[in-house]
Amino acid sequence: MQSLKKVGVLGFKSLSEAMETRLERYFEMHDEVDVPTGLYDIIIKEIEKSLINVTMRHAGGNKVKAARILGINRNTLHKKLLTLDLENEY
């Protein structure tokens, strides 16, 4: 919750508001022809990778602690670390 408060300090009321602003800028940078297809999967993968990476750093590399913070099973976290190519980081 601490980091969400920091987002508020940066001028956004919520994480979703910050994301909406960034996505609007993304679309403004591209014309309709230039926007890549599969944007949903691209965004979800990027967000998930950042979420897990920052949480793992916050947990000091402790997968049990990170999984608890994320609300997922440790084995699920391990699989996501492999899938997102983060396993060697921790």
N, C-alpha and C. Protein backbone atom coordinates (compact mmCIF):
# COMPACT_ATOMS: atom_id res chain seq x y z
N MET A 1 0.82 -1.19 0.00
CA MET A 1 0.00 0.00 0.00
C MET A 1 0.86 1.26 0.00
N GLN A 2 2.06 1.14 0.54
CA GLN A 2 2.98 2.26 0.57
C GLN A 2 3.24 2.82 -0.83
N SER A 3 3.53 1.94 -1.80
CA SER A 3 3.85 2.42 -3.15
C SER A 3 2.63 3.06 -3.82
N LEU A 4 1.43 2.56 -3.51
CA LEU A 4 0.23 3.18 -4.08
C LEU A 4 0.08 4.61 -3.56
N LYS A 5 0.49 4.85 -2.32
CA LYS A 5 0.47 6.20 -1.79
C LYS A 5 1.46 7.07 -2.55
N LYS A 6 2.62 6.51 -2.91
CA LYS A 6 3.61 7.26 -3.68
C LYS A 6 3.05 7.63 -5.04
N VAL A 7 2.27 6.73 -5.65
CA VAL A 7 1.63 7.04 -6.93
C VAL A 7 0.75 8.25 -6.77
N GLY A 8 0.00 8.32 -5.64
CA GLY A 8 -0.85 9.47 -5.37
C GLY A 8 -0.04 10.75 -5.28
N VAL A 9 1.13 10.67 -4.70
CA VAL A 9 2.00 11.82 -4.59
C VAL A 9 2.44 12.31 -5.97
N LEU A 10 2.57 11.39 -6.91
CA LEU A 10 3.01 11.75 -8.26
C LEU A 10 1.87 12.31 -9.11
N GLY A 11 0.72 12.49 -8.53
CA GLY A 11 -0.38 13.13 -9.24
C GLY A 11 -1.46 12.20 -9.72
N PHE A 12 -1.41 10.94 -9.37
CA PHE A 12 -2.44 9.99 -9.77
C PHE A 12 -3.17 9.51 -8.52
N LYS A 13 -4.47 9.36 -8.64
CA LYS A 13 -5.27 8.89 -7.52
C LYS A 13 -5.15 7.39 -7.32
N SER A 14 -4.85 6.66 -8.41
CA SER A 14 -4.77 5.21 -8.32
C SER A 14 -3.82 4.67 -9.38
N LEU A 15 -3.46 3.42 -9.21
CA LEU A 15 -2.63 2.76 -10.20
C LEU A 15 -3.35 2.67 -11.54
N SER A 16 -4.66 2.42 -11.51
CA SER A 16 -5.40 2.33 -12.77
C SER A 16 -5.43 3.67 -13.50
N GLU A 17 -5.50 4.76 -12.75
CA GLU A 17 -5.47 6.08 -13.38
C GLU A 17 -4.12 6.33 -14.03
N ALA A 18 -3.06 5.94 -13.37
CA ALA A 18 -1.72 6.08 -13.95
C ALA A 18 -1.59 5.25 -15.22
N MET A 19 -2.12 4.02 -15.19
CA MET A 19 -2.05 3.15 -16.36
C MET A 19 -2.86 3.74 -17.52
N GLU A 20 -4.04 4.25 -17.23
CA GLU A 20 -4.87 4.85 -18.28
C GLU A 20 -4.15 6.01 -18.95
N THR A 21 -3.51 6.83 -18.15
CA THR A 21 -2.78 7.97 -18.69
C THR A 21 -1.65 7.51 -19.60
N ARG A 22 -0.90 6.50 -19.15
CA ARG A 22 0.21 5.98 -19.95
C ARG A 22 -0.30 5.32 -21.24
N LEU A 23 -1.41 4.60 -21.16
CA LEU A 23 -1.96 3.96 -22.36
C LEU A 23 -2.48 4.99 -23.35
N GLU A 24 -3.10 6.05 -22.86
CA GLU A 24 -3.55 7.13 -23.76
C GLU A 24 -2.36 7.72 -24.50
N ARG A 25 -1.27 7.94 -23.79
CA ARG A 25 -0.06 8.47 -24.43
C ARG A 25 0.48 7.48 -25.46
N TYR A 26 0.42 6.20 -25.14
CA TYR A 26 0.88 5.17 -26.05
C TYR A 26 0.10 5.23 -27.36
N PHE A 27 -1.23 5.33 -27.26
CA PHE A 27 -2.06 5.40 -28.47
C PHE A 27 -1.84 6.70 -29.23
N GLU A 28 -1.57 7.77 -28.51
CA GLU A 28 -1.30 9.04 -29.18
C GLU A 28 0.00 8.97 -29.98
N MET A 29 0.95 8.17 -29.52
CA MET A 29 2.23 8.02 -30.21
C MET A 29 2.10 7.20 -31.50
N HIS A 30 1.06 6.40 -31.59
CA HIS A 30 0.85 5.54 -32.76
C HIS A 30 -0.40 5.98 -33.50
N ASP A 31 -0.35 5.89 -34.81
CA ASP A 31 -1.61 6.09 -35.52
C ASP A 31 -2.32 4.74 -35.57
N GLU A 32 -3.52 4.70 -36.06
CA GLU A 32 -4.31 3.46 -36.05
C GLU A 32 -3.63 2.32 -36.78
N VAL A 33 -2.83 2.62 -37.77
CA VAL A 33 -2.15 1.58 -38.54
C VAL A 33 -0.96 1.01 -37.77
N ASP A 34 -0.33 1.84 -36.96
CA ASP A 34 0.93 1.49 -36.30
C ASP A 34 0.75 0.76 -34.97
N VAL A 35 -0.45 0.72 -34.41
CA VAL A 35 -0.66 0.07 -33.11
C VAL A 35 -0.49 -1.43 -33.29
N PRO A 36 0.37 -2.05 -32.45
CA PRO A 36 0.59 -3.49 -32.61
C PRO A 36 -0.65 -4.30 -32.24
N THR A 37 -0.78 -5.47 -32.85
CA THR A 37 -1.88 -6.36 -32.48
C THR A 37 -1.44 -7.17 -31.26
N GLY A 38 -2.40 -7.69 -30.53
CA GLY A 38 -2.09 -8.47 -29.34
C GLY A 38 -1.68 -7.61 -28.16
N LEU A 39 -2.16 -6.38 -28.14
CA LEU A 39 -1.77 -5.43 -27.10
C LEU A 39 -2.11 -5.94 -25.70
N TYR A 40 -3.23 -6.60 -25.55
CA TYR A 40 -3.63 -7.12 -24.24
C TYR A 40 -2.54 -8.02 -23.66
N ASP A 41 -2.10 -9.00 -24.44
CA ASP A 41 -1.08 -9.93 -23.97
C ASP A 41 0.25 -9.23 -23.70
N ILE A 42 0.58 -8.26 -24.55
CA ILE A 42 1.83 -7.50 -24.35
C ILE A 42 1.80 -6.75 -23.03
N ILE A 43 0.70 -6.04 -22.78
CA ILE A 43 0.57 -5.24 -21.56
C ILE A 43 0.55 -6.12 -20.32
N ILE A 44 -0.24 -7.18 -20.34
CA ILE A 44 -0.35 -8.07 -19.18
C ILE A 44 1.01 -8.68 -18.85
N LYS A 45 1.75 -9.12 -19.86
CA LYS A 45 3.06 -9.71 -19.62
C LYS A 45 4.02 -8.69 -19.02
N GLU A 46 4.02 -7.47 -19.54
CA GLU A 46 4.90 -6.43 -19.02
C GLU A 46 4.55 -6.07 -17.58
N ILE A 47 3.28 -5.91 -17.30
CA ILE A 47 2.84 -5.57 -15.95
C ILE A 47 3.18 -6.69 -14.98
N GLU A 48 2.91 -7.93 -15.39
CA GLU A 48 3.19 -9.08 -14.53
C GLU A 48 4.68 -9.18 -14.24
N LYS A 49 5.50 -8.97 -15.26
CA LYS A 49 6.95 -9.05 -15.07
C LYS A 49 7.42 -7.98 -14.09
N SER A 50 6.95 -6.76 -14.25
CA SER A 50 7.33 -5.68 -13.33
C SER A 50 6.84 -5.96 -11.91
N LEU A 51 5.60 -6.41 -11.79
CA LEU A 51 5.02 -6.72 -10.48
C LEU A 51 5.85 -7.77 -9.76
N ILE A 52 6.17 -8.84 -10.45
CA ILE A 52 6.93 -9.92 -9.82
C ILE A 52 8.36 -9.48 -9.53
N ASN A 53 8.97 -8.78 -10.44
CA ASN A 53 10.34 -8.33 -10.25
C ASN A 53 10.47 -7.41 -9.04
N VAL A 54 9.60 -6.42 -8.94
CA VAL A 54 9.65 -5.48 -7.82
C VAL A 54 9.32 -6.19 -6.50
N THR A 55 8.34 -7.08 -6.54
CA THR A 55 7.97 -7.82 -5.32
C THR A 55 9.12 -8.70 -4.87
N MET A 56 9.78 -9.37 -5.81
CA MET A 56 10.93 -10.21 -5.44
C MET A 56 12.05 -9.37 -4.82
N ARG A 57 12.31 -8.21 -5.37
CA ARG A 57 13.33 -7.33 -4.77
C ARG A 57 12.91 -6.91 -3.37
N HIS A 58 11.64 -6.54 -3.23
CA HIS A 58 11.11 -6.11 -1.93
C HIS A 58 11.24 -7.24 -0.90
N ALA A 59 11.05 -8.47 -1.36
CA ALA A 59 11.12 -9.65 -0.48
C ALA A 59 12.55 -10.15 -0.31
N GLY A 60 13.52 -9.43 -0.86
CA GLY A 60 14.91 -9.83 -0.72
C GLY A 60 15.22 -11.14 -1.43
N GLY A 61 14.47 -11.46 -2.47
CA GLY A 61 14.67 -12.69 -3.21
C GLY A 61 14.01 -13.90 -2.59
N ASN A 62 13.32 -13.71 -1.49
CA ASN A 62 12.64 -14.82 -0.80
C ASN A 62 11.33 -15.14 -1.52
N LYS A 63 11.31 -16.30 -2.18
CA LYS A 63 10.14 -16.67 -2.98
C LYS A 63 8.91 -16.92 -2.14
N VAL A 64 9.08 -17.49 -0.97
CA VAL A 64 7.92 -17.74 -0.09
C VAL A 64 7.28 -16.41 0.32
N LYS A 65 8.12 -15.47 0.73
CA LYS A 65 7.61 -14.15 1.14
C LYS A 65 6.96 -13.43 -0.04
N ALA A 66 7.62 -13.47 -1.21
CA ALA A 66 7.08 -12.80 -2.39
C ALA A 66 5.74 -13.41 -2.80
N ALA A 67 5.66 -14.73 -2.77
CA ALA A 67 4.41 -15.41 -3.14
C ALA A 67 3.29 -15.01 -2.18
N ARG A 68 3.61 -14.91 -0.90
CA ARG A 68 2.61 -14.50 0.09
C ARG A 68 2.13 -13.08 -0.18
N ILE A 69 3.06 -12.18 -0.47
CA ILE A 69 2.70 -10.79 -0.77
C ILE A 69 1.81 -10.73 -2.01
N LEU A 70 2.15 -11.52 -3.03
CA LEU A 70 1.39 -11.53 -4.28
C LEU A 70 0.07 -12.28 -4.15
N GLY A 71 -0.04 -13.14 -3.15
CA GLY A 71 -1.26 -13.92 -2.97
C GLY A 71 -1.34 -15.10 -3.92
N ILE A 72 -0.15 -15.63 -4.28
CA ILE A 72 -0.10 -16.80 -5.15
C ILE A 72 0.73 -17.89 -4.50
N ASN A 73 0.61 -19.10 -5.00
CA ASN A 73 1.37 -20.23 -4.52
C ASN A 73 2.84 -20.08 -4.91
N ARG A 74 3.76 -20.56 -4.06
CA ARG A 74 5.18 -20.47 -4.35
C ARG A 74 5.54 -21.17 -5.67
N ASN A 75 4.90 -22.32 -5.92
CA ASN A 75 5.15 -23.03 -7.17
C ASN A 75 4.70 -22.22 -8.39
N THR A 76 3.58 -21.52 -8.24
CA THR A 76 3.10 -20.65 -9.32
C THR A 76 4.10 -19.53 -9.55
N LEU A 77 4.60 -18.95 -8.48
CA LEU A 77 5.61 -17.90 -8.61
C LEU A 77 6.84 -18.43 -9.32
N HIS A 78 7.28 -19.61 -8.94
CA HIS A 78 8.46 -20.21 -9.57
C HIS A 78 8.24 -20.38 -11.08
N LYS A 79 7.07 -20.87 -11.46
CA LYS A 79 6.76 -21.04 -12.89
C LYS A 79 6.74 -19.70 -13.62
N LYS A 80 6.19 -18.67 -12.96
CA LYS A 80 6.14 -17.35 -13.58
C LYS A 80 7.54 -16.76 -13.73
N LEU A 81 8.40 -16.99 -12.74
CA LEU A 81 9.79 -16.54 -12.85
C LEU A 81 10.48 -17.18 -14.05
N LEU A 82 10.21 -18.45 -14.27
CA LEU A 82 10.78 -19.14 -15.43
C LEU A 82 10.20 -18.59 -16.73
N THR A 83 8.89 -18.47 -16.78
CA THR A 83 8.20 -18.01 -17.99
C THR A 83 8.61 -16.59 -18.37
N LEU A 84 8.78 -15.74 -17.36
CA LEU A 84 9.11 -14.34 -17.60
C LEU A 84 10.62 -14.09 -17.68
N ASP A 85 11.40 -15.16 -17.66
CA ASP A 85 12.85 -15.10 -17.76
C ASP A 85 13.46 -14.28 -16.61
N LEU A 86 12.94 -14.48 -15.41
CA LEU A 86 13.45 -13.80 -14.23
C LEU A 86 14.13 -14.76 -13.24
N GLU A 87 14.11 -16.04 -13.53
CA GLU A 87 14.61 -17.04 -12.58
C GLU A 87 16.06 -16.78 -12.18
N ASN A 88 16.90 -16.41 -13.11
CA ASN A 88 18.32 -16.20 -12.78
C ASN A 88 18.58 -14.91 -12.01
N GLU A 89 17.58 -14.07 -11.91
CA GLU A 89 17.71 -12.83 -11.15
C GLU A 89 17.69 -13.08 -9.65
N TYR A 90 17.02 -14.17 -9.24
CA TYR A 90 16.83 -14.43 -7.82
C TYR A 90 17.25 -15.83 -7.50
